[in-house]
Amino acid sequence: MTYSDFYKLYYEPYATDAALQKRIADGIEQNRKGDCRVRVTDAVGKPLANTRVEIKQTAHAFRYGANIFMLDEFKEKELNVRYRDTFHRYFNLTTVPFYWNTLEPERGKPRFAADSEKIYRRPAPDLCIEYCREKGIDAKLHCLVYEAYMPEWIKSLPLAEVKAAYEKRFAEIAERYADKLYEVEVINEVLCIPTWKGRTSALAHSPDLITWSWETARKFFPNNKLVFNETVRWHRFKQYGVTDRYPLLLENALLKGVTMDKIGIQSHLFVGYKAQTPEQYEQSARELVDRGNVCEMLHTLDILGQFDLPLEITEITIPTFGEGEEFEQLQADMLKLWYSAYFSHPLMDTIVYWNTADGHGYTLGAEYDENRCRGGLFHKDMTPKKSALMLKHLFEEEWCTNLTAMTDADGYLSFRGFFGNYALTVGDATAILKLEKGKEGDLAVIV
């Protein structure tokens, strides 16, 4: 397939869809921005009339991130330095790996400490959390219950012992990290369990898998946001609507009293991850074209929105279909399109990209290799691709409010801006302002 083929399949139908583009633009304007009237006063409360004020957004209320699986994981020292210096400049949130099989490969000896023995793409939690604290990034836990990645020592245990081991795991993680985590993914990919033969514990086949997992998570993480995470196929929602498996799974869990805080949605376009030849790659691209359907993405978000819970794109991969400038630009254009659609939805509050650097994705050899998708935002050497630069442009320029305004005779000024933190500067004095969704209105700042 040529560049033109990929362009016509994955991008052009949506970029030229006037109704879709209007929905996205209107959604961003209505759901991501608010009106604010500020009265600017001096230190003794005197209004500053007819005064020029510089308004600069310093942080977003919206969270956008990526996984941090390559922190200090490169063979080359200079790439580890570059990764550390680069990551926090592009994201305000990250996914920290807590896969049980690599966090506690030997029973009773969890790899929490920063100096733990290295396992590729599984940096120790202490290392990740310390980096997040240093750089001002929010950290999310992935994942408490993920039965595809169980340590060998637990697979043969009876259910009661499995649950006891899980409780110990939850308790240890909570004691060490609960107050350092922005949110916690409780359970992941329940709908995939039938395909994980030989990889799971007894809990995977227990009728109370979901309710027990959530009750136990709420017990140990009472103050954290708890997230349900599941893989989604957009085209299935077009076929089945509210009868798709994920809405039914969520509805069943909620009816049984599960108190989730967010609904997580995986959004990978892993084109060619099993391909061995160009022909197989082309076949994969044609088979997966529906998964890049932006109209169906929004339709799915609307269906999941029936539960009136915040939504999160927990994992997103957008491929680079080939080598060279054109293909990199297409990935960047698709990223803008996808992110804009997600950002426009009223219930969306977080988008997390998956692999940051090409060549360092998850692989099982010939049968499964995410690197064939070329889905990173950065090249192998952590220099930014056009997609990384696009992401930065969106959140630091296009979806960021920076302006100059004059107060009126009573010291008031009004502006409309993206939700987040602001610095208002008059001369050498600066005041901090927070514009929050649902809390718009008159505010006062002292400079």
Protein backbone atom coordinates (compact mmCIF):
# COMPACT_ATOMS: atom_id res chain seq x y z
CA MET A 1 0.00 0.00 0.00
CA THR A 2 1.18 3.51 -0.79
CA TYR A 3 1.12 6.61 1.37
CA SER A 4 -1.97 7.71 -0.57
CA ASP A 5 -3.76 4.45 0.29
CA PHE A 6 -3.19 4.88 4.02
CA TYR A 7 -4.17 8.55 3.83
CA LYS A 8 -7.47 7.72 2.17
CA LEU A 9 -8.24 4.84 4.52
CA TYR A 10 -7.37 6.27 7.90
CA TYR A 11 -7.42 10.06 7.69
CA GLU A 12 -9.12 11.73 4.74
CA PRO A 13 -12.72 10.52 5.39
CA TYR A 14 -12.70 12.19 8.82
CA ALA A 15 -10.62 15.26 8.04
CA THR A 16 -13.12 16.16 5.32
CA ASP A 17 -16.28 15.28 7.28
CA ALA A 18 -17.80 18.69 8.01
CA ALA A 19 -20.31 17.39 10.57
CA LEU A 20 -17.63 15.50 12.47
CA GLN A 21 -15.26 18.45 12.47
CA LYS A 22 -18.03 20.74 13.71
CA ARG A 23 -18.89 18.34 16.53
CA ILE A 24 -15.23 18.22 17.57
CA ALA A 25 -14.74 21.99 17.43
CA ASP A 26 -17.98 22.70 19.28
CA GLY A 27 -17.20 20.04 21.87
CA ILE A 28 -13.78 21.48 22.65
CA GLU A 29 -15.20 24.98 22.95
CA GLN A 30 -18.09 23.89 25.19
CA ASN A 31 -16.40 21.24 27.32
CA ARG A 32 -12.79 22.36 27.72
CA LYS A 33 -13.15 26.10 28.23
CA GLY A 34 -14.89 28.37 30.68
CA ASP A 35 -15.67 32.05 31.18
CA CYS A 36 -13.96 33.92 33.94
CA ARG A 37 -14.38 37.42 35.36
CA VAL A 38 -11.55 38.55 37.57
CA ARG A 39 -11.20 41.57 39.80
CA VAL A 40 -7.57 42.58 40.10
CA THR A 41 -6.57 44.43 43.25
CA ASP A 42 -3.38 45.53 44.92
CA ALA A 43 -2.08 44.18 48.22
CA VAL A 44 -4.47 46.37 50.26
CA GLY A 45 -7.53 45.51 48.18
CA LYS A 46 -7.66 48.57 45.93
CA PRO A 47 -8.95 47.68 42.44
CA LEU A 48 -6.41 48.21 39.67
CA ALA A 49 -8.41 50.17 37.09
CA ASN A 50 -7.52 50.39 33.39
CA THR A 51 -4.49 48.18 33.95
CA ARG A 52 -2.81 45.90 31.45
CA VAL A 53 -2.72 42.25 32.63
CA GLU A 54 -0.77 39.38 31.06
CA ILE A 55 -2.69 36.11 31.32
CA LYS A 56 -0.67 32.94 30.85
CA GLN A 57 -1.88 29.37 31.29
CA THR A 58 0.71 27.43 33.29
CA ALA A 59 -0.94 23.99 33.57
CA HIS A 60 -3.87 22.02 32.18
CA ALA A 61 -6.69 20.57 34.24
CA PHE A 62 -6.83 17.85 31.58
CA ARG A 63 -4.36 14.98 32.05
CA TYR A 64 -2.35 13.67 29.11
CA GLY A 65 0.47 11.20 29.39
CA ALA A 66 2.23 8.01 28.33
CA ASN A 67 3.66 4.93 29.97
CA ILE A 68 7.07 5.32 31.60
CA PHE A 69 8.25 1.78 30.94
CA MET A 70 11.60 2.87 29.45
CA LEU A 71 12.79 4.93 32.42
CA ASP A 72 16.50 4.03 32.78
CA GLU A 73 15.90 1.00 30.54
CA PHE A 74 18.04 1.92 27.52
CA LYS A 75 21.38 0.22 27.06
CA GLU A 76 23.01 3.55 26.23
CA LYS A 77 23.56 5.94 29.14
CA GLU A 78 23.00 8.99 26.94
CA LEU A 79 19.55 7.71 25.93
CA ASN A 80 18.55 7.27 29.56
CA VAL A 81 19.61 10.85 30.21
CA ARG A 82 17.68 12.05 27.15
CA TYR A 83 14.57 10.11 28.19
CA ARG A 84 14.64 11.64 31.67
CA ASP A 85 15.13 15.10 30.24
CA THR A 86 12.44 14.68 27.56
CA PHE A 87 9.54 12.82 29.14
CA HIS A 88 8.34 15.51 31.54
CA ARG A 89 8.42 18.13 28.79
CA TYR A 90 5.66 16.34 26.86
CA PHE A 91 3.37 14.82 29.51
CA ASN A 92 1.75 15.71 32.85
CA LEU A 93 0.80 12.13 33.77
CA THR A 94 2.36 8.70 33.38
CA THR A 95 1.44 5.03 33.70
CA VAL A 96 3.69 3.17 36.14
CA PRO A 97 4.02 -0.63 35.69
CA PHE A 98 2.83 -2.81 38.57
CA TYR A 99 2.52 -6.07 36.60
CA TRP A 100 2.58 -8.76 39.26
CA ASN A 101 4.78 -11.25 37.39
CA THR A 102 7.64 -8.76 37.14
CA LEU A 103 6.99 -6.89 40.37
CA GLU A 104 7.15 -10.04 42.49
CA PRO A 105 8.67 -12.84 40.39
CA GLU A 106 9.87 -14.48 43.62
CA ARG A 107 7.20 -14.77 46.29
CA GLY A 108 7.71 -12.41 49.20
CA LYS A 109 10.39 -10.36 47.44
CA PRO A 110 8.68 -7.50 45.57
CA ARG A 111 10.82 -5.23 43.37
CA PHE A 112 9.69 -1.91 44.86
CA ALA A 113 13.12 -0.36 45.51
CA ALA A 114 14.81 1.79 42.88
CA ASP A 115 17.93 -0.41 42.98
CA SER A 116 16.00 -3.64 42.39
CA GLU A 117 17.27 -6.08 39.80
CA LYS A 118 16.33 -4.77 36.38
CA ILE A 119 13.63 -6.31 34.21
CA TYR A 120 13.28 -4.77 30.74
CA ARG A 121 10.40 -2.30 30.38
CA ARG A 122 9.49 -2.78 34.03
CA PRO A 123 11.32 -0.07 35.99
CA ALA A 124 10.86 -0.37 39.75
CA PRO A 125 7.96 1.67 41.16
CA ASP A 126 10.18 3.67 43.54
CA LEU A 127 12.28 4.80 40.58
CA CYS A 128 9.20 5.92 38.63
CA ILE A 129 7.46 7.60 41.56
CA GLU A 130 10.61 9.52 42.50
CA TYR A 131 10.95 10.78 38.93
CA CYS A 132 7.30 11.85 38.92
CA ARG A 133 7.72 13.70 42.22
CA GLU A 134 10.85 15.45 40.98
CA LYS A 135 9.29 16.53 37.66
CA GLY A 136 5.76 17.31 38.87
CA ILE A 137 4.07 14.51 36.92
CA ASP A 138 1.02 12.59 38.17
CA ALA A 139 1.48 8.82 38.43
CA LYS A 140 -1.17 6.17 37.80
CA LEU A 141 -0.93 2.50 38.72
CA HIS A 142 -1.29 -0.19 36.05
CA CYS A 143 -2.67 -2.60 37.19
CA LEU A 144 -3.78 -4.28 40.47
CA VAL A 145 -5.61 -7.22 38.88
CA TYR A 146 -4.32 -8.22 35.46
CA GLU A 147 -4.57 -11.98 35.18
CA ALA A 148 -2.53 -12.19 31.97
CA TYR A 149 0.63 -11.33 33.89
CA MET A 150 0.64 -13.53 36.97
CA PRO A 151 3.78 -14.82 38.71
CA GLU A 152 4.41 -18.50 38.24
CA TRP A 153 4.21 -19.21 41.97
CA ILE A 154 0.54 -18.21 42.21
CA LYS A 155 -0.93 -20.08 39.25
CA SER A 156 -1.39 -23.42 41.04
CA LEU A 157 -2.74 -22.03 44.31
CA PRO A 158 -6.39 -22.59 45.36
CA LEU A 159 -8.73 -19.60 45.25
CA ALA A 160 -8.57 -18.80 48.98
CA GLU A 161 -4.79 -18.61 48.88
CA VAL A 162 -4.86 -16.55 45.69
CA LYS A 163 -7.15 -14.01 47.34
CA ALA A 164 -4.93 -13.91 50.42
CA ALA A 165 -1.91 -13.26 48.20
CA TYR A 166 -3.81 -10.54 46.34
CA GLU A 167 -4.77 -8.86 49.64
CA LYS A 168 -1.12 -8.88 50.69
CA ARG A 169 -0.19 -7.34 47.33
CA PHE A 170 -2.84 -4.63 47.64
CA ALA A 171 -1.83 -3.85 51.22
CA GLU A 172 1.88 -3.55 50.43
CA ILE A 173 1.31 -1.35 47.41
CA ALA A 174 -1.19 0.86 49.22
CA GLU A 175 1.04 1.36 52.23
CA ARG A 176 3.95 2.39 50.06
CA TYR A 177 2.26 4.32 47.25
CA ALA A 178 -1.42 5.17 47.84
CA ASP A 179 -0.72 8.79 48.77
CA LYS A 180 1.62 9.17 45.79
CA LEU A 181 -0.77 7.97 43.08
CA TYR A 182 -3.15 10.08 41.03
CA GLU A 183 -5.29 7.03 40.27
CA VAL A 184 -5.30 3.23 40.32
CA GLU A 185 -6.37 0.82 37.60
CA VAL A 186 -8.12 -1.92 39.55
CA ILE A 187 -8.80 -4.50 36.86
CA ASN A 188 -7.72 -4.88 33.26
CA GLU A 189 -8.96 -6.75 30.17
CA VAL A 190 -11.54 -8.99 31.82
CA LEU A 191 -13.07 -9.71 28.42
CA CYS A 192 -9.78 -11.21 27.22
CA ILE A 193 -9.51 -13.82 29.99
CA PRO A 194 -10.79 -16.74 27.85
CA THR A 195 -7.73 -16.34 25.58
CA TRP A 196 -5.17 -16.47 28.42
CA LYS A 197 -4.99 -20.23 28.88
CA GLY A 198 -2.23 -21.25 31.29
CA ARG A 199 -1.47 -17.67 32.31
CA THR A 200 -4.06 -16.99 34.99
CA SER A 201 -4.78 -17.76 38.63
CA ALA A 202 -7.90 -19.26 40.16
CA LEU A 203 -9.37 -15.77 40.60
CA ALA A 204 -9.75 -15.33 36.84
CA HIS A 205 -12.46 -18.01 36.82
CA SER A 206 -14.22 -17.02 40.03
CA PRO A 207 -17.75 -15.57 39.71
CA ASP A 208 -16.81 -12.75 42.08
CA LEU A 209 -13.67 -11.74 40.15
CA ILE A 210 -14.90 -8.18 39.55
CA THR A 211 -16.80 -7.49 42.76
CA TRP A 212 -14.11 -8.98 45.00
CA SER A 213 -11.34 -7.10 43.19
CA TRP A 214 -13.16 -3.79 43.55
CA GLU A 215 -14.20 -4.29 47.16
CA THR A 216 -10.63 -5.17 48.05
CA ALA A 217 -9.20 -2.24 46.09
CA ARG A 218 -11.61 0.20 47.76
CA LYS A 219 -10.63 -1.22 51.14
CA PHE A 220 -6.94 -0.49 50.63
CA PHE A 221 -7.19 2.57 48.37
CA PRO A 222 -10.16 4.48 49.88
CA ASN A 223 -8.95 7.89 48.76
CA ASN A 224 -7.73 7.09 45.25
CA LYS A 225 -9.58 7.30 41.95
CA LEU A 226 -10.28 3.72 40.89
CA VAL A 227 -10.39 2.89 37.19
CA PHE A 228 -11.92 0.01 35.23
CA ASN A 229 -9.83 -0.69 32.13
CA GLU A 230 -10.85 -2.69 29.08
CA THR A 231 -9.94 -3.11 25.45
CA VAL A 232 -12.54 -1.75 23.02
CA ARG A 233 -13.27 -2.41 19.36
CA TRP A 234 -15.02 0.65 18.00
CA HIS A 235 -16.64 -1.21 15.09
CA ARG A 236 -18.42 -3.60 17.46
CA PHE A 237 -20.31 -0.70 19.01
CA LYS A 238 -21.58 0.22 15.56
CA GLN A 239 -22.96 -3.31 15.24
CA TYR A 240 -24.30 -3.91 18.71
CA GLY A 241 -24.58 -0.54 20.44
CA VAL A 242 -25.50 -0.81 24.12
CA THR A 243 -25.51 -4.61 23.89
CA ASP A 244 -21.76 -4.72 23.33
CA ARG A 245 -19.91 -6.69 26.01
CA TYR A 246 -18.19 -3.76 27.72
CA PRO A 247 -21.33 -1.73 28.53
CA LEU A 248 -22.99 -4.91 29.78
CA LEU A 249 -19.96 -5.72 31.91
CA LEU A 250 -19.96 -2.23 33.41
CA GLU A 251 -23.72 -2.25 33.99
CA ASN A 252 -23.51 -5.60 35.74
CA ALA A 253 -20.67 -4.40 37.96
CA LEU A 254 -22.49 -1.20 38.91
CA LEU A 255 -25.70 -3.09 39.68
CA LYS A 256 -23.68 -5.30 42.03
CA GLY A 257 -22.44 -2.27 43.91
CA VAL A 258 -19.01 -1.73 42.38
CA THR A 259 -18.03 1.91 43.06
CA MET A 260 -15.77 2.79 40.15
CA ASP A 261 -14.60 6.34 39.58
CA LYS A 262 -13.62 6.18 35.90
CA ILE A 263 -14.18 4.04 32.83
CA GLY A 264 -10.95 3.21 31.02
CA ILE A 265 -10.79 2.49 27.29
CA GLN A 266 -7.86 1.08 25.35
CA SER A 267 -7.42 2.52 21.87
CA HIS A 268 -4.58 0.73 20.09
CA LEU A 269 -4.23 0.59 16.32
CA PHE A 270 -1.63 -2.17 16.23
CA VAL A 271 -1.41 -2.43 12.45
CA GLY A 272 0.98 -5.20 11.39
CA TYR A 273 1.97 -6.42 14.83
CA LYS A 274 1.87 -10.03 13.55
CA ALA A 275 2.98 -9.29 9.98
CA GLN A 276 6.03 -11.06 8.59
CA THR A 277 5.78 -9.75 5.03
CA PRO A 278 4.61 -6.55 3.28
CA GLU A 279 1.56 -8.46 2.09
CA GLN A 280 0.64 -9.44 5.63
CA TYR A 281 1.14 -5.86 6.77
CA GLU A 282 -1.22 -4.64 4.05
CA GLN A 283 -3.80 -7.25 5.01
CA SER A 284 -3.56 -6.18 8.66
CA ALA A 285 -4.04 -2.54 7.66
CA ARG A 286 -7.22 -3.34 5.75
CA GLU A 287 -8.59 -5.58 8.51
CA LEU A 288 -8.04 -2.94 11.19
CA VAL A 289 -9.26 0.09 9.27
CA ASP A 290 -12.52 0.19 11.28
CA ARG A 291 -10.53 0.63 14.48
CA GLY A 292 -9.45 4.02 13.19
CA ASN A 293 -13.01 5.19 12.55
CA VAL A 294 -13.29 8.48 14.44
CA CYS A 295 -17.08 8.68 14.07
CA GLU A 296 -17.41 5.28 15.72
CA MET A 297 -14.99 6.32 18.44
CA LEU A 298 -17.29 9.17 19.42
CA HIS A 299 -20.33 6.91 19.12
CA THR A 300 -18.71 4.49 21.55
CA LEU A 301 -17.86 7.27 23.99
CA ASP A 302 -21.50 8.37 23.87
CA ILE A 303 -22.64 4.83 24.70
CA LEU A 304 -20.19 4.50 27.59
CA GLY A 305 -21.26 7.97 28.67
CA GLN A 306 -24.65 6.54 29.68
CA PHE A 307 -23.05 5.67 33.03
CA ASP A 308 -22.24 9.34 33.66
CA LEU A 309 -18.71 8.57 34.83
CA PRO A 310 -15.47 10.21 33.72
CA LEU A 311 -13.85 8.50 30.74
CA GLU A 312 -10.18 7.85 30.13
CA ILE A 313 -8.26 6.66 27.10
CA THR A 314 -5.85 4.56 29.11
CA GLU A 315 -3.75 3.27 26.22
CA ILE A 316 -3.48 4.68 22.72
CA THR A 317 -1.26 3.70 19.81
CA ILE A 318 -1.28 5.37 16.40
CA PRO A 319 0.99 3.71 13.82
CA THR A 320 3.48 5.23 11.44
CA PHE A 321 2.58 3.22 8.36
CA GLY A 322 5.94 3.59 6.62
CA GLU A 323 9.30 5.31 6.62
CA GLY A 324 9.91 8.95 5.77
CA GLU A 325 8.48 12.44 6.22
CA GLU A 326 5.08 11.77 4.65
CA PHE A 327 4.28 8.84 6.91
CA GLU A 328 5.48 10.68 10.01
CA GLN A 329 3.24 13.59 9.09
CA LEU A 330 0.29 11.25 8.62
CA GLN A 331 0.82 9.83 12.11
CA ALA A 332 0.93 13.39 13.47
CA ASP A 333 -2.24 14.35 11.60
CA MET A 334 -4.01 11.23 12.88
CA LEU A 335 -2.88 12.02 16.41
CA LYS A 336 -4.37 15.49 16.16
CA LEU A 337 -7.63 14.05 14.80
CA TRP A 338 -7.93 11.32 17.44
CA TYR A 339 -6.90 13.50 20.35
CA SER A 340 -9.24 16.27 19.22
CA ALA A 341 -12.16 13.84 19.10
CA TYR A 342 -11.40 12.50 22.57
CA PHE A 343 -10.68 15.96 23.98
CA SER A 344 -14.01 17.21 22.69
CA HIS A 345 -16.12 14.68 24.59
CA PRO A 346 -17.72 16.10 27.76
CA LEU A 347 -16.85 13.08 29.94
CA MET A 348 -13.26 12.57 28.81
CA ASP A 349 -10.65 13.74 31.32
CA THR A 350 -7.45 11.82 30.54
CA ILE A 351 -5.63 10.51 27.44
CA VAL A 352 -2.62 8.25 27.88
CA TYR A 353 -0.38 7.34 24.95
CA TRP A 354 1.30 3.96 25.16
CA ASN A 355 4.87 3.41 23.93
CA THR A 356 6.93 6.57 23.69
CA ALA A 357 9.89 5.38 21.59
CA ASP A 358 9.90 3.26 18.45
CA GLY A 359 11.77 -0.02 18.76
CA HIS A 360 11.11 -0.44 22.47
CA GLY A 361 7.57 -1.84 22.54
CA TYR A 362 6.32 -5.13 23.92
CA THR A 363 7.25 -8.19 21.89
CA LEU A 364 6.83 -11.95 22.01
CA GLY A 365 9.00 -12.48 18.97
CA ALA A 366 7.50 -13.43 15.62
CA GLU A 367 4.00 -14.00 16.97
CA TYR A 368 3.56 -10.56 18.50
CA ASP A 369 5.68 -7.43 18.12
CA GLU A 370 4.30 -3.96 18.81
CA ASN A 371 7.41 -2.46 17.20
CA ARG A 372 6.13 -3.42 13.74
CA CYS A 373 3.45 -0.76 14.22
CA ARG A 374 6.04 2.01 14.56
CA GLY A 375 3.62 3.51 17.05
CA GLY A 376 6.02 5.58 19.13
CA LEU A 377 5.95 9.36 19.40
CA PHE A 378 9.74 9.41 19.34
CA HIS A 379 12.41 7.73 17.27
CA LYS A 380 14.53 4.96 18.80
CA ASP A 381 17.03 7.57 20.00
CA MET A 382 14.26 9.57 21.75
CA THR A 383 14.36 12.43 19.27
CA PRO A 384 10.79 13.62 18.66
CA LYS A 385 8.80 12.49 15.67
CA LYS A 386 6.27 14.85 14.14
CA SER A 387 3.61 13.20 16.31
CA ALA A 388 5.41 14.19 19.54
CA LEU A 389 5.74 17.75 18.28
CA MET A 390 2.05 17.73 17.37
CA LEU A 391 1.09 16.61 20.87
CA LYS A 392 3.17 19.39 22.37
CA HIS A 393 1.66 21.92 19.97
CA LEU A 394 -1.89 20.91 20.89
CA PHE A 395 -1.54 21.23 24.65
CA GLU A 396 0.92 24.11 24.76
CA GLU A 397 -0.38 26.23 21.90
CA GLU A 398 -3.69 25.29 20.26
CA TRP A 399 -5.41 24.19 23.50
CA CYS A 400 -3.69 26.72 25.73
CA THR A 401 -4.83 30.22 26.66
CA ASN A 402 -2.35 33.08 26.68
CA LEU A 403 -3.52 36.66 26.18
CA THR A 404 -3.35 40.25 27.31
CA ALA A 405 -6.37 42.11 28.74
CA MET A 406 -7.20 45.46 30.30
CA THR A 407 -9.15 45.87 33.49
CA ASP A 408 -12.12 48.21 33.45
CA ALA A 409 -12.73 51.20 35.71
CA ASP A 410 -13.62 48.89 38.63
CA GLY A 411 -10.61 46.59 38.17
CA TYR A 412 -12.51 43.80 36.39
CA LEU A 413 -11.47 41.86 33.31
CA SER A 414 -13.14 38.93 31.57
CA PHE A 415 -11.73 36.13 29.48
CA ARG A 416 -12.58 32.67 28.20
CA GLY A 417 -9.89 30.06 28.55
CA PHE A 418 -9.05 26.38 28.79
CA PHE A 419 -9.50 24.91 32.25
CA GLY A 420 -6.32 24.89 34.29
CA ASN A 421 -3.91 27.08 36.22
CA TYR A 422 -3.02 30.62 35.24
CA ALA A 423 -0.52 33.28 36.13
CA LEU A 424 -1.84 36.87 35.95
CA THR A 425 0.96 39.40 35.80
CA VAL A 426 0.86 43.15 36.30
CA GLY A 427 4.29 44.72 36.02
CA ASP A 428 6.58 42.76 38.33
CA ALA A 429 3.75 41.23 40.38
CA THR A 430 2.08 37.89 39.61
CA ALA A 431 -1.05 36.25 40.99
CA ILE A 432 -2.16 32.63 40.58
CA LEU A 433 -5.63 31.74 39.30
CA LYS A 434 -7.35 28.37 38.82
CA LEU A 435 -10.11 28.10 36.24
CA GLU A 436 -12.12 24.95 37.04
CA LYS A 437 -15.00 23.33 35.20
CA GLY A 438 -18.22 23.91 37.09
CA LYS A 439 -16.66 26.66 39.19
CA GLU A 440 -16.56 29.46 36.64
CA GLY A 441 -17.60 32.89 37.77
CA ASP A 442 -16.24 35.95 39.51
CA LEU A 443 -12.84 35.58 41.11
CA ALA A 444 -10.47 38.01 42.79
CA VAL A 445 -6.71 38.04 42.57
CA ILE A 446 -4.21 40.21 44.42
CA VAL A 447 -1.06 41.36 42.69
